[in-house]
Every structure is written in structure tokens, then in C-alpha cells.
Amino acid sequence: MNGLSDVRLTVKAEELQEDARAGHLYGRSSKGATLVERWQLFYRRLSTRRALLELSDEQLKDVGLTREQARSEALRPFWTL
């Protein structure tokens, strides 16, 4: 992994931790989410799962996934965690 990717992962990890502390994304129960927030969460899950299909084998190795694991995750319904 190059240095730029390390920086992006660190920044993204910090953003996700902040969101979790604030009760956003996966950090909040969908029962308390508005309809718009719930659809935004569903769309994020769908788009990130589909993005897994576009990663190269080297990128998948960097995140610790096999091609089959990525495919399995990408094919999951967007409403499941």
C-alpha cells in the first residue's frame, strides 16, 4: 500500500469513529432514523458493496479480503448489515 492510501484509510477511520460517536451510519439503530436517513444508509451500503466488485486483487489483499469474500459481500441485500 502506498503512503497516500495509508493517509486516506486513517482519515476515513477517524471520520467513521466520529460518525459512530455522533450516532450516524452503523452506530445508530435504524429505529431512531428518519425515513430519509434510513434510505441514505441503504444507499451507502449498496454503493460500498458494489464498489468491492471494482477493486483489484491487490486492493482486496490490502483490505484483507479474497475475491470470493468481496463478491459474497457485494451480493448481499442492501438492507442487511
Protein backbone atom coordinates (compact mmCIF):
# COMPACT_ATOMS: atom_id res chain seq x y z
CA MET A 1 0.00 0.00 0.00
CA ASN A 2 1.38 3.42 -0.82
CA GLY A 3 1.57 6.32 1.64
CA LEU A 4 -1.43 8.14 0.18
CA SER A 5 -3.66 5.12 0.72
CA ASP A 6 -2.48 4.91 4.33
CA VAL A 7 -3.45 8.54 4.87
CA ARG A 8 -6.87 8.02 3.28
CA LEU A 9 -7.54 4.97 5.46
CA THR A 10 -6.51 6.84 8.60
CA VAL A 11 -8.70 9.84 7.76
CA LYS A 12 -11.66 7.63 6.84
CA ALA A 13 -11.28 5.62 10.04
CA GLU A 14 -11.36 8.84 12.06
CA GLU A 15 -14.48 10.01 10.18
CA LEU A 16 -16.24 6.70 10.83
CA GLN A 17 -15.37 6.84 14.52
CA GLU A 18 -16.74 10.40 14.74
CA ASP A 19 -19.92 9.33 12.95
CA ALA A 20 -20.33 6.37 15.30
CA ARG A 21 -19.91 8.63 18.35
CA ALA A 22 -22.46 11.05 16.91
CA GLY A 23 -24.86 8.19 16.26
CA HIS A 24 -24.64 8.14 12.47
CA LEU A 25 -24.31 5.32 9.97
CA TYR A 26 -23.93 1.93 11.60
CA GLY A 27 -23.57 3.49 15.04
CA ARG A 28 -27.28 4.25 15.34
CA SER A 29 -30.22 1.92 15.40
CA SER A 30 -32.37 2.24 12.30
CA LYS A 31 -35.42 2.50 14.60
CA GLY A 32 -34.40 6.04 15.54
CA ALA A 33 -33.54 7.07 12.00
CA THR A 34 -35.87 9.08 9.82
CA LEU A 35 -37.02 7.63 6.54
CA VAL A 36 -34.55 9.80 4.61
CA GLU A 37 -31.67 8.78 6.88
CA ARG A 38 -32.60 5.13 6.51
CA TRP A 39 -32.59 5.36 2.71
CA GLN A 40 -29.26 7.19 2.80
CA LEU A 41 -27.85 4.34 4.89
CA PHE A 42 -29.26 1.75 2.48
CA TYR A 43 -27.78 3.60 -0.49
CA ARG A 44 -24.38 3.84 1.20
CA ARG A 45 -24.40 0.09 1.89
CA LEU A 46 -25.42 -0.66 -1.69
CA SER A 47 -22.79 1.60 -3.24
CA THR A 48 -19.93 0.46 -1.00
CA ARG A 49 -20.77 -3.19 -1.55
CA ARG A 50 -20.83 -2.67 -5.30
CA ALA A 51 -17.50 -0.82 -5.10
CA LEU A 52 -15.95 -4.03 -3.76
CA LEU A 53 -16.54 -5.61 -7.17
CA GLU A 54 -14.37 -2.95 -8.81
CA LEU A 55 -11.32 -3.42 -6.59
CA SER A 56 -8.28 -5.16 -7.99
CA ASP A 57 -6.89 -8.30 -6.36
CA GLU A 58 -4.06 -6.22 -4.89
CA GLN A 59 -6.51 -3.74 -3.35
CA LEU A 60 -8.59 -6.56 -1.92
CA LYS A 61 -5.45 -8.06 -0.42
CA ASP A 62 -4.69 -4.68 1.20
CA VAL A 63 -8.05 -4.71 2.99
CA GLY A 64 -7.78 -8.40 3.84
CA LEU A 65 -10.46 -9.82 1.56
CA THR A 66 -10.43 -12.50 -1.08
CA ARG A 67 -12.21 -12.05 -4.39
CA GLU A 68 -14.89 -14.53 -3.24
CA GLN A 69 -15.45 -12.68 0.06
CA ALA A 70 -15.83 -9.38 -1.81
CA ARG A 71 -18.26 -10.96 -4.26
CA SER A 72 -20.27 -12.50 -1.43
CA GLU A 73 -20.50 -9.16 0.40
CA ALA A 74 -21.42 -7.28 -2.78
CA LEU A 75 -24.29 -9.65 -3.49
CA ARG A 76 -25.87 -9.21 -0.06
CA PRO A 77 -29.13 -7.23 0.04
CA PHE A 78 -28.64 -3.56 0.91
CA TRP A 79 -30.98 -3.78 3.89
CA THR A 80 -28.75 -6.26 5.77
CA LEU A 81 -25.70 -5.31 7.82
